[in-house]
Amino acid sequence: GGASGTTREEVCAVAGYAARRRTGRTEYVPARIVSRTPAGAPVLQPLG
């Protein structure tokens, strides 16, 4: 489209949960913001 700028950028967040996983692939997990840190970073909880 010739639009200036780039696609959506990642923001810094903090995990609010524990999980184990296999390495080797970047994983994208649906998550909800449940709170924020004192610095304002979203705290995430996975869904599904």
All heavy atoms as atom14 arrays in JSON, in Angstrom:
{
  "sequence": "GGASGTTREEVCAVAGYAARRRTGRTEYVPARIVSRTPAGAPVLQPLG",
  "atom14_mask": [
    [1, 1, 1, 1, 0, 0, 0, 0, 0, 0, 0, 0, 0, 0],
    [1, 1, 1, 1, 0, 0, 0, 0, 0, 0, 0, 0, 0, 0],
    [1, 1, 1, 1, 1, 0, 0, 0, 0, 0, 0, 0, 0, 0],
    [1, 1, 1, 1, 1, 1, 0, 0, 0, 0, 0, 0, 0, 0],
    [1, 1, 1, 1, 0, 0, 0, 0, 0, 0, 0, 0, 0, 0],
    [1, 1, 1, 1, 1, 1, 1, 0, 0, 0, 0, 0, 0, 0],
    [1, 1, 1, 1, 1, 1, 1, 0, 0, 0, 0, 0, 0, 0],
    [1, 1, 1, 1, 1, 1, 1, 1, 1, 1, 1, 0, 0, 0],
    [1, 1, 1, 1, 1, 1, 1, 1, 1, 0, 0, 0, 0, 0],
    [1, 1, 1, 1, 1, 1, 1, 1, 1, 0, 0, 0, 0, 0],
    [1, 1, 1, 1, 1, 1, 1, 0, 0, 0, 0, 0, 0, 0],
    [1, 1, 1, 1, 1, 1, 0, 0, 0, 0, 0, 0, 0, 0],
    [1, 1, 1, 1, 1, 0, 0, 0, 0, 0, 0, 0, 0, 0],
    [1, 1, 1, 1, 1, 1, 1, 0, 0, 0, 0, 0, 0, 0],
    [1, 1, 1, 1, 1, 0, 0, 0, 0, 0, 0, 0, 0, 0],
    [1, 1, 1, 1, 0, 0, 0, 0, 0, 0, 0, 0, 0, 0],
    [1, 1, 1, 1, 1, 1, 1, 1, 1, 1, 1, 1, 0, 0],
    [1, 1, 1, 1, 1, 0, 0, 0, 0, 0, 0, 0, 0, 0],
    [1, 1, 1, 1, 1, 0, 0, 0, 0, 0, 0, 0, 0, 0],
    [1, 1, 1, 1, 1, 1, 1, 1, 1, 1, 1, 0, 0, 0],
    [1, 1, 1, 1, 1, 1, 1, 1, 1, 1, 1, 0, 0, 0],
    [1, 1, 1, 1, 1, 1, 1, 1, 1, 1, 1, 0, 0, 0],
    [1, 1, 1, 1, 1, 1, 1, 0, 0, 0, 0, 0, 0, 0],
    [1, 1, 1, 1, 0, 0, 0, 0, 0, 0, 0, 0, 0, 0],
    [1, 1, 1, 1, 1, 1, 1, 1, 1, 1, 1, 0, 0, 0],
    [1, 1, 1, 1, 1, 1, 1, 0, 0, 0, 0, 0, 0, 0],
    [1, 1, 1, 1, 1, 1, 1, 1, 1, 0, 0, 0, 0, 0],
    [1, 1, 1, 1, 1, 1, 1, 1, 1, 1, 1, 1, 0, 0],
    [1, 1, 1, 1, 1, 1, 1, 0, 0, 0, 0, 0, 0, 0],
    [1, 1, 1, 1, 1, 1, 1, 0, 0, 0, 0, 0, 0, 0],
    [1, 1, 1, 1, 1, 0, 0, 0, 0, 0, 0, 0, 0, 0],
    [1, 1, 1, 1, 1, 1, 1, 1, 1, 1, 1, 0, 0, 0],
    [1, 1, 1, 1, 1, 1, 1, 1, 0, 0, 0, 0, 0, 0],
    [1, 1, 1, 1, 1, 1, 1, 0, 0, 0, 0, 0, 0, 0],
    [1, 1, 1, 1, 1, 1, 0, 0, 0, 0, 0, 0, 0, 0],
    [1, 1, 1, 1, 1, 1, 1, 1, 1, 1, 1, 0, 0, 0],
    [1, 1, 1, 1, 1, 1, 1, 0, 0, 0, 0, 0, 0, 0],
    [1, 1, 1, 1, 1, 1, 1, 0, 0, 0, 0, 0, 0, 0],
    [1, 1, 1, 1, 1, 0, 0, 0, 0, 0, 0, 0, 0, 0],
    [1, 1, 1, 1, 0, 0, 0, 0, 0, 0, 0, 0, 0, 0],
    [1, 1, 1, 1, 1, 0, 0, 0, 0, 0, 0, 0, 0, 0],
    [1, 1, 1, 1, 1, 1, 1, 0, 0, 0, 0, 0, 0, 0],
    [1, 1, 1, 1, 1, 1, 1, 0, 0, 0, 0, 0, 0, 0],
    [1, 1, 1, 1, 1, 1, 1, 1, 0, 0, 0, 0, 0, 0],
    [1, 1, 1, 1, 1, 1, 1, 1, 1, 0, 0, 0, 0, 0],
    [1, 1, 1, 1, 1, 1, 1, 0, 0, 0, 0, 0, 0, 0],
    [1, 1, 1, 1, 1, 1, 1, 1, 0, 0, 0, 0, 0, 0],
    [1, 1, 1, 1, 0, 0, 0, 0, 0, 0, 0, 0, 0, 0]
  ],
  "atom14_positions": [
    [[0.79, -1.22, 0.0], [0.0, 0.0, 0.0], [0.82, 1.27, 0.0], [0.27, 2.36, -0.18], [0.0, 0.0, 0.0], [0.0, 0.0, 0.0], [0.0, 0.0, 0.0], [0.0, 0.0, 0.0], [0.0, 0.0, 0.0], [0.0, 0.0, 0.0], [0.0, 0.0, 0.0], [0.0, 0.0, 0.0], [0.0, 0.0, 0.0], [0.0, 0.0, 0.0]],
    [[2.14, 1.15, 0.21], [2.99, 2.33, 0.21], [2.9, 3.15, 1.48], [3.37, 4.28, 1.52], [0.0, 0.0, 0.0], [0.0, 0.0, 0.0], [0.0, 0.0, 0.0], [0.0, 0.0, 0.0], [0.0, 0.0, 0.0], [0.0, 0.0, 0.0], [0.0, 0.0, 0.0], [0.0, 0.0, 0.0], [0.0, 0.0, 0.0], [0.0, 0.0, 0.0]],
    [[2.29, 2.58, 2.53], [2.16, 3.33, 3.78], [3.49, 3.39, 4.5], [4.26, 2.44, 4.5], [1.11, 2.68, 4.68], [0.0, 0.0, 0.0], [0.0, 0.0, 0.0], [0.0, 0.0, 0.0], [0.0, 0.0, 0.0], [0.0, 0.0, 0.0], [0.0, 0.0, 0.0], [0.0, 0.0, 0.0], [0.0, 0.0, 0.0], [0.0, 0.0, 0.0]],
    [[3.78, 4.55, 5.1], [4.99, 4.67, 5.89], [4.8, 3.93, 7.21], [3.68, 3.68, 7.64], [5.29, 6.16, 6.16], [4.18, 6.79, 6.76], [0.0, 0.0, 0.0], [0.0, 0.0, 0.0], [0.0, 0.0, 0.0], [0.0, 0.0, 0.0], [0.0, 0.0, 0.0], [0.0, 0.0, 0.0], [0.0, 0.0, 0.0], [0.0, 0.0, 0.0]],
    [[5.9, 3.56, 7.83], [5.83, 2.84, 9.09], [5.93, 1.34, 8.87], [6.07, 0.85, 7.76], [0.0, 0.0, 0.0], [0.0, 0.0, 0.0], [0.0, 0.0, 0.0], [0.0, 0.0, 0.0], [0.0, 0.0, 0.0], [0.0, 0.0, 0.0], [0.0, 0.0, 0.0], [0.0, 0.0, 0.0], [0.0, 0.0, 0.0], [0.0, 0.0, 0.0]],
    [[5.88, 0.59, 9.95], [6.01, -0.86, 9.91], [4.77, -1.5, 10.47], [3.81, -0.85, 10.82], [7.24, -1.31, 10.72], [7.08, -0.89, 12.09], [8.52, -0.69, 10.17], [0.0, 0.0, 0.0], [0.0, 0.0, 0.0], [0.0, 0.0, 0.0], [0.0, 0.0, 0.0], [0.0, 0.0, 0.0], [0.0, 0.0, 0.0], [0.0, 0.0, 0.0]],
    [[4.82, -2.82, 10.56], [3.69, -3.55, 11.11], [3.63, -3.37, 12.62], [4.46, -2.68, 13.22], [3.78, -5.03, 10.72], [2.57, -5.69, 11.1], [4.96, -5.7, 11.42], [0.0, 0.0, 0.0], [0.0, 0.0, 0.0], [0.0, 0.0, 0.0], [0.0, 0.0, 0.0], [0.0, 0.0, 0.0], [0.0, 0.0, 0.0], [0.0, 0.0, 0.0]],
    [[2.66, -4.01, 13.25], [2.5, -3.87, 14.69], [3.77, -4.29, 15.42], [4.38, -5.29, 15.11], [1.32, -4.71, 15.16], [0.0, -4.14, 14.7], [-1.16, -4.99, 15.13], [-2.4, -4.41, 14.66], [-3.56, -5.05, 14.65], [-3.63, -6.29, 15.08], [-4.64, -4.45, 14.22], [0.0, 0.0, 0.0], [0.0, 0.0, 0.0], [0.0, 0.0, 0.0]],
    [[4.12, -3.51, 16.43], [5.33, -3.78, 17.18], [4.99, -4.48, 18.49], [3.96, -4.2, 19.12], [6.06, -2.47, 17.48], [6.53, -1.73, 16.24], [7.68, -2.42, 15.54], [8.36, -3.23, 16.19], [7.87, -2.16, 14.34], [0.0, 0.0, 0.0], [0.0, 0.0, 0.0], [0.0, 0.0, 0.0], [0.0, 0.0, 0.0], [0.0, 0.0, 0.0]],
    [[5.88, -5.37, 18.91], [5.74, -5.97, 20.22], [5.99, -4.92, 21.3], [6.78, -4.0, 21.11], [6.74, -7.11, 20.41], [6.46, -8.35, 19.59], [7.49, -9.44, 19.87], [8.16, -9.38, 20.93], [7.63, -10.34, 19.02], [0.0, 0.0, 0.0], [0.0, 0.0, 0.0], [0.0, 0.0, 0.0], [0.0, 0.0, 0.0], [0.0, 0.0, 0.0]],
    [[5.32, -5.09, 22.44], [5.59, -4.25, 23.6], [6.13, -5.16, 24.7], [5.96, -6.38, 24.66], [4.32, -3.51, 24.07], [3.8, -2.59, 22.99], [3.24, -4.49, 24.5], [0.0, 0.0, 0.0], [0.0, 0.0, 0.0], [0.0, 0.0, 0.0], [0.0, 0.0, 0.0], [0.0, 0.0, 0.0], [0.0, 0.0, 0.0], [0.0, 0.0, 0.0]],
    [[6.8, -4.57, 25.66], [7.35, -5.33, 26.77], [6.24, -5.68, 27.76], [5.42, -4.84, 28.11], [8.45, -4.53, 27.47], [9.91, -4.26, 26.45], [0.0, 0.0, 0.0], [0.0, 0.0, 0.0], [0.0, 0.0, 0.0], [0.0, 0.0, 0.0], [0.0, 0.0, 0.0], [0.0, 0.0, 0.0], [0.0, 0.0, 0.0], [0.0, 0.0, 0.0]],
    [[6.23, -6.93, 28.2], [5.23, -7.39, 29.14], [5.88, -8.31, 30.16], [7.08, -8.63, 30.06], [4.1, -8.13, 28.4], [0.0, 0.0, 0.0], [0.0, 0.0, 0.0], [0.0, 0.0, 0.0], [0.0, 0.0, 0.0], [0.0, 0.0, 0.0], [0.0, 0.0, 0.0], [0.0, 0.0, 0.0], [0.0, 0.0, 0.0], [0.0, 0.0, 0.0]],
    [[5.1, -8.74, 31.14], [5.59, -9.58, 32.23], [4.65, -10.77, 32.38], [3.41, -10.63, 32.32], [5.66, -8.79, 33.55], [6.0, -9.7, 34.72], [6.68, -7.67, 33.44], [0.0, 0.0, 0.0], [0.0, 0.0, 0.0], [0.0, 0.0, 0.0], [0.0, 0.0, 0.0], [0.0, 0.0, 0.0], [0.0, 0.0, 0.0], [0.0, 0.0, 0.0]],
    [[5.21, -11.95, 32.56], [4.4, -13.15, 32.75], [3.77, -13.14, 34.14], [4.44, -12.83, 35.13], [5.26, -14.4, 32.58], [0.0, 0.0, 0.0], [0.0, 0.0, 0.0], [0.0, 0.0, 0.0], [0.0, 0.0, 0.0], [0.0, 0.0, 0.0], [0.0, 0.0, 0.0], [0.0, 0.0, 0.0], [0.0, 0.0, 0.0], [0.0, 0.0, 0.0]],
    [[2.51, -13.49, 34.19], [1.82, -13.66, 35.47], [1.51, -15.12, 35.72], [0.58, -15.43, 36.47], [0.0, 0.0, 0.0], [0.0, 0.0, 0.0], [0.0, 0.0, 0.0], [0.0, 0.0, 0.0], [0.0, 0.0, 0.0], [0.0, 0.0, 0.0], [0.0, 0.0, 0.0], [0.0, 0.0, 0.0], [0.0, 0.0, 0.0], [0.0, 0.0, 0.0]],
    [[2.27, -16.01, 35.11], [1.98, -17.44, 35.18], [3.26, -18.23, 35.03], [4.33, -17.69, 34.72], [1.0, -17.83, 34.08], [1.57, -17.71, 32.68], [2.02, -18.82, 31.99], [1.67, -16.47, 32.04], [2.55, -18.72, 30.7], [2.18, -16.35, 30.76], [2.62, -17.48, 30.09], [3.15, -17.37, 28.84], [0.0, 0.0, 0.0], [0.0, 0.0, 0.0]],
    [[3.16, -19.54, 35.26], [4.28, -20.46, 35.08], [3.9, -21.52, 34.06], [2.75, -21.97, 34.01], [4.66, -21.11, 36.41], [0.0, 0.0, 0.0], [0.0, 0.0, 0.0], [0.0, 0.0, 0.0], [0.0, 0.0, 0.0], [0.0, 0.0, 0.0], [0.0, 0.0, 0.0], [0.0, 0.0, 0.0], [0.0, 0.0, 0.0], [0.0, 0.0, 0.0]],
    [[4.86, -21.91, 33.22], [4.61, -22.95, 32.23], [5.94, -23.51, 31.75], [6.97, -22.84, 31.8], [3.83, -22.38, 31.05], [0.0, 0.0, 0.0], [0.0, 0.0, 0.0], [0.0, 0.0, 0.0], [0.0, 0.0, 0.0], [0.0, 0.0, 0.0], [0.0, 0.0, 0.0], [0.0, 0.0, 0.0], [0.0, 0.0, 0.0], [0.0, 0.0, 0.0]],
    [[5.9, -24.76, 31.29], [7.07, -25.37, 30.66], [6.74, -25.62, 29.2], [5.58, -25.8, 28.83], [7.44, -26.69, 31.35], [7.83, -26.52, 32.82], [8.57, -27.73, 33.34], [9.84, -27.95, 32.66], [10.97, -27.3, 32.94], [10.99, -26.4, 33.89], [12.08, -27.56, 32.26], [0.0, 0.0, 0.0], [0.0, 0.0, 0.0], [0.0, 0.0, 0.0]],
    [[7.78, -25.62, 28.35], [7.55, -25.76, 26.92], [8.79, -26.31, 26.24], [9.89, -26.29, 26.81], [7.17, -24.4, 26.3], [8.26, -23.37, 26.46], [7.87, -22.02, 25.9], [7.67, -22.06, 24.47], [8.64, -21.93, 23.56], [9.9, -21.78, 23.95], [8.38, -21.97, 22.28], [0.0, 0.0, 0.0], [0.0, 0.0, 0.0], [0.0, 0.0, 0.0]],
    [[8.61, -26.77, 25.0], [9.73, -27.23, 24.2], [10.37, -26.02, 23.52], [9.68, -25.1, 23.07], [9.26, -28.23, 23.15], [8.75, -29.53, 23.74], [8.29, -30.48, 22.65], [9.39, -30.87, 21.77], [9.26, -31.7, 20.74], [8.07, -32.21, 20.45], [10.31, -32.01, 19.99], [0.0, 0.0, 0.0], [0.0, 0.0, 0.0], [0.0, 0.0, 0.0]],
    [[11.68, -26.06, 23.42], [12.39, -24.96, 22.78], [12.41, -25.17, 21.26], [12.02, -26.21, 20.75], [13.84, -24.86, 23.29], [14.51, -26.09, 22.99], [13.86, -24.61, 24.79], [0.0, 0.0, 0.0], [0.0, 0.0, 0.0], [0.0, 0.0, 0.0], [0.0, 0.0, 0.0], [0.0, 0.0, 0.0], [0.0, 0.0, 0.0], [0.0, 0.0, 0.0]],
    [[12.87, -24.13, 20.55], [13.08, -24.26, 19.11], [12.17, -23.4, 18.26], [12.5, -23.09, 17.11], [0.0, 0.0, 0.0], [0.0, 0.0, 0.0], [0.0, 0.0, 0.0], [0.0, 0.0, 0.0], [0.0, 0.0, 0.0], [0.0, 0.0, 0.0], [0.0, 0.0, 0.0], [0.0, 0.0, 0.0], [0.0, 0.0, 0.0], [0.0, 0.0, 0.0]],
    [[10.99, -23.02, 18.79], [10.06, -22.19, 18.02], [9.56, -21.04, 18.88], [9.22, -21.23, 20.05], [8.87, -23.0, 17.52], [9.21, -24.02, 16.45], [7.95, -24.56, 15.79], [7.26, -25.54, 16.62], [6.01, -25.96, 16.4], [5.31, -25.45, 15.4], [5.47, -26.87, 17.18], [0.0, 0.0, 0.0], [0.0, 0.0, 0.0], [0.0, 0.0, 0.0]],
    [[9.5, -19.85, 18.3], [8.87, -18.73, 18.98], [7.38, -19.0, 19.09], [6.73, -19.35, 18.1], [9.11, -17.42, 18.22], [10.52, -17.23, 18.03], [8.55, -16.24, 18.98], [0.0, 0.0, 0.0], [0.0, 0.0, 0.0], [0.0, 0.0, 0.0], [0.0, 0.0, 0.0], [0.0, 0.0, 0.0], [0.0, 0.0, 0.0], [0.0, 0.0, 0.0]],
    [[6.85, -18.85, 20.29], [5.45, -19.23, 20.53], [4.6, -17.98, 20.77], [5.01, -17.06, 21.49], [5.35, -20.17, 21.72], [3.96, -20.75, 21.93], [3.95, -21.86, 22.97], [5.01, -22.16, 23.55], [2.86, -22.43, 23.2], [0.0, 0.0, 0.0], [0.0, 0.0, 0.0], [0.0, 0.0, 0.0], [0.0, 0.0, 0.0], [0.0, 0.0, 0.0]],
    [[3.41, -17.99, 20.18], [2.44, -16.9, 20.33], [1.19, -17.45, 21.01], [0.51, -18.32, 20.45], [2.12, -16.29, 18.96], [3.3, -15.57, 18.37], [4.34, -16.27, 17.74], [3.43, -14.19, 18.49], [5.44, -15.61, 17.24], [4.54, -13.52, 17.97], [5.54, -14.24, 17.35], [6.63, -13.59, 16.85], [0.0, 0.0, 0.0], [0.0, 0.0, 0.0]],
    [[0.91, -16.95, 22.2], [-0.13, -17.51, 23.05], [-1.19, -16.44, 23.32], [-0.86, -15.35, 23.8], [0.46, -17.99, 24.4], [-0.63, -18.57, 25.29], [1.57, -19.0, 24.16], [0.0, 0.0, 0.0], [0.0, 0.0, 0.0], [0.0, 0.0, 0.0], [0.0, 0.0, 0.0], [0.0, 0.0, 0.0], [0.0, 0.0, 0.0], [0.0, 0.0, 0.0]],
    [[-2.47, -16.72, 23.03], [-3.51, -15.75, 23.4], [-3.44, -15.46, 24.9], [-3.38, -16.38, 25.72], [-4.81, -16.47, 23.02], [-4.4, -17.42, 21.95], [-3.03, -17.89, 22.34], [0.0, 0.0, 0.0], [0.0, 0.0, 0.0], [0.0, 0.0, 0.0], [0.0, 0.0, 0.0], [0.0, 0.0, 0.0], [0.0, 0.0, 0.0], [0.0, 0.0, 0.0]],
    [[-3.43, -14.19, 25.24], [-3.25, -13.81, 26.64], [-4.07, -12.57, 26.96], [-4.31, -11.73, 26.1], [-1.77, -13.56, 26.95], [0.0, 0.0, 0.0], [0.0, 0.0, 0.0], [0.0, 0.0, 0.0], [0.0, 0.0, 0.0], [0.0, 0.0, 0.0], [0.0, 0.0, 0.0], [0.0, 0.0, 0.0], [0.0, 0.0, 0.0], [0.0, 0.0, 0.0]],
    [[-4.42, -12.49, 28.22], [-5.2, -11.36, 28.72], [-4.35, -10.54, 29.68], [-3.53, -11.1, 30.43], [-6.45, -11.87, 29.44], [-7.42, -10.78, 29.89], [-8.67, -11.41, 30.5], [-9.63, -10.4, 30.93], [-10.48, -9.79, 30.14], [-10.5, -10.1, 28.86], [-11.31, -8.89, 30.6], [0.0, 0.0, 0.0], [0.0, 0.0, 0.0], [0.0, 0.0, 0.0]],
    [[-4.52, -9.24, 29.65], [-3.84, -8.36, 30.61], [-4.64, -8.4, 31.92], [-5.81, -8.0, 31.95], [-3.75, -6.92, 30.08], [-2.92, -6.88, 28.8], [-3.14, -6.01, 31.14], [-2.91, -5.52, 28.13], [0.0, 0.0, 0.0], [0.0, 0.0, 0.0], [0.0, 0.0, 0.0], [0.0, 0.0, 0.0], [0.0, 0.0, 0.0], [0.0, 0.0, 0.0]],
    [[-4.01, -8.89, 32.97], [-4.71, -9.02, 34.26], [-4.34, -7.91, 35.23], [-5.07, -7.66, 36.19], [-4.45, -10.4, 34.89], [-5.09, -11.5, 34.04], [-2.95, -10.67, 35.05], [0.0, 0.0, 0.0], [0.0, 0.0, 0.0], [0.0, 0.0, 0.0], [0.0, 0.0, 0.0], [0.0, 0.0, 0.0], [0.0, 0.0, 0.0], [0.0, 0.0, 0.0]],
    [[-3.21, -7.25, 35.01], [-2.78, -6.14, 35.86], [-1.61, -5.45, 35.17], [-1.27, -5.8, 34.04], [-2.37, -6.62, 37.26], [-1.25, -7.49, 37.18], [0.0, 0.0, 0.0], [0.0, 0.0, 0.0], [0.0, 0.0, 0.0], [0.0, 0.0, 0.0], [0.0, 0.0, 0.0], [0.0, 0.0, 0.0], [0.0, 0.0, 0.0], [0.0, 0.0, 0.0]],
    [[-1.02, -4.51, 35.88], [0.18, -3.85, 35.37], [1.21, -3.73, 36.49], [0.85, -3.63, 37.65], [-0.15, -2.47, 34.79], [-0.95, -2.51, 33.49], [-1.08, -1.12, 32.89], [-1.91, -1.15, 31.69], [-1.44, -1.38, 30.47], [-0.15, -1.59, 30.29], [-2.24, -1.39, 29.42], [0.0, 0.0, 0.0], [0.0, 0.0, 0.0], [0.0, 0.0, 0.0]],
    [[2.45, -3.73, 36.09], [3.52, -3.52, 37.06], [3.54, -2.06, 37.47], [2.92, -1.21, 36.81], [4.88, -3.9, 36.45], [5.19, -2.96, 35.41], [4.86, -5.32, 35.89], [0.0, 0.0, 0.0], [0.0, 0.0, 0.0], [0.0, 0.0, 0.0], [0.0, 0.0, 0.0], [0.0, 0.0, 0.0], [0.0, 0.0, 0.0], [0.0, 0.0, 0.0]],
    [[4.27, -1.72, 38.56], [4.37, -0.29, 38.93], [4.91, 0.57, 37.79], [4.59, 1.76, 37.71], [5.34, -0.32, 40.13], [5.13, -1.66, 40.74], [4.88, -2.59, 39.58], [0.0, 0.0, 0.0], [0.0, 0.0, 0.0], [0.0, 0.0, 0.0], [0.0, 0.0, 0.0], [0.0, 0.0, 0.0], [0.0, 0.0, 0.0], [0.0, 0.0, 0.0]],
    [[5.72, -0.02, 36.91], [6.26, 0.74, 35.77], [5.28, 0.8, 34.6], [5.57, 1.45, 33.59], [7.57, 0.11, 35.3], [0.0, 0.0, 0.0], [0.0, 0.0, 0.0], [0.0, 0.0, 0.0], [0.0, 0.0, 0.0], [0.0, 0.0, 0.0], [0.0, 0.0, 0.0], [0.0, 0.0, 0.0], [0.0, 0.0, 0.0], [0.0, 0.0, 0.0]],
    [[4.14, 0.13, 34.72], [3.12, 0.2, 33.68], [3.13, -0.94, 32.69], [2.3, -0.96, 31.76], [0.0, 0.0, 0.0], [0.0, 0.0, 0.0], [0.0, 0.0, 0.0], [0.0, 0.0, 0.0], [0.0, 0.0, 0.0], [0.0, 0.0, 0.0], [0.0, 0.0, 0.0], [0.0, 0.0, 0.0], [0.0, 0.0, 0.0], [0.0, 0.0, 0.0]],
    [[4.04, -1.91, 32.83], [4.07, -3.03, 31.89], [2.89, -3.96, 32.13], [2.54, -4.24, 33.28], [5.38, -3.81, 32.05], [0.0, 0.0, 0.0], [0.0, 0.0, 0.0], [0.0, 0.0, 0.0], [0.0, 0.0, 0.0], [0.0, 0.0, 0.0], [0.0, 0.0, 0.0], [0.0, 0.0, 0.0], [0.0, 0.0, 0.0], [0.0, 0.0, 0.0]],
    [[2.24, -4.45, 31.06], [1.12, -5.36, 31.26], [1.58, -6.71, 31.81], [2.63, -7.23, 31.42], [0.54, -5.51, 29.84], [1.65, -5.14, 28.92], [2.49, -4.15, 29.65], [0.0, 0.0, 0.0], [0.0, 0.0, 0.0], [0.0, 0.0, 0.0], [0.0, 0.0, 0.0], [0.0, 0.0, 0.0], [0.0, 0.0, 0.0], [0.0, 0.0, 0.0]],
    [[0.79, -7.24, 32.74], [1.02, -8.57, 33.29], [0.05, -9.52, 32.61], [-1.16, -9.27, 32.58], [0.84, -8.59, 34.82], [1.04, -10.01, 35.37], [1.8, -7.61, 35.48], [0.0, 0.0, 0.0], [0.0, 0.0, 0.0], [0.0, 0.0, 0.0], [0.0, 0.0, 0.0], [0.0, 0.0, 0.0], [0.0, 0.0, 0.0], [0.0, 0.0, 0.0]],
    [[0.55, -10.61, 32.04], [-0.23, -11.46, 31.15], [-0.6, -12.79, 31.79], [0.18, -13.38, 32.54], [0.57, -11.74, 29.86], [1.09, -10.53, 29.1], [1.86, -10.99, 27.87], [-0.06, -9.6, 28.71], [0.0, 0.0, 0.0], [0.0, 0.0, 0.0], [0.0, 0.0, 0.0], [0.0, 0.0, 0.0], [0.0, 0.0, 0.0], [0.0, 0.0, 0.0]],
    [[-1.79, -13.25, 31.44], [-2.26, -14.58, 31.81], [-2.75, -15.27, 30.54], [-3.56, -14.7, 29.79], [-3.42, -14.48, 32.81], [-3.86, -15.81, 33.41], [-2.82, -16.41, 34.36], [-2.13, -15.68, 35.04], [-2.71, -17.72, 34.38], [0.0, 0.0, 0.0], [0.0, 0.0, 0.0], [0.0, 0.0, 0.0], [0.0, 0.0, 0.0], [0.0, 0.0, 0.0]],
    [[-2.24, -16.47, 30.23], [-2.66, -17.14, 28.99], [-4.1, -17.63, 29.08], [-4.62, -17.9, 30.16], [-1.67, -18.31, 28.9], [-1.31, -18.62, 30.31], [-1.3, -17.29, 31.02], [0.0, 0.0, 0.0], [0.0, 0.0, 0.0], [0.0, 0.0, 0.0], [0.0, 0.0, 0.0], [0.0, 0.0, 0.0], [0.0, 0.0, 0.0], [0.0, 0.0, 0.0]],
    [[-4.72, -17.74, 27.92], [-6.09, -18.25, 27.83], [-6.11, -19.44, 26.87], [-5.29, -19.54, 25.95], [-7.03, -17.17, 27.31], [-7.24, -15.94, 28.21], [-8.2, -14.97, 27.53], [-7.79, -16.35, 29.57], [0.0, 0.0, 0.0], [0.0, 0.0, 0.0], [0.0, 0.0, 0.0], [0.0, 0.0, 0.0], [0.0, 0.0, 0.0], [0.0, 0.0, 0.0]],
    [[-7.09, -20.33, 27.06], [-7.25, -21.46, 26.17], [-6.44, -22.65, 26.6], [-5.68, -22.62, 27.58], [0.0, 0.0, 0.0], [0.0, 0.0, 0.0], [0.0, 0.0, 0.0], [0.0, 0.0, 0.0], [0.0, 0.0, 0.0], [0.0, 0.0, 0.0], [0.0, 0.0, 0.0], [0.0, 0.0, 0.0], [0.0, 0.0, 0.0], [0.0, 0.0, 0.0]]
  ]
}
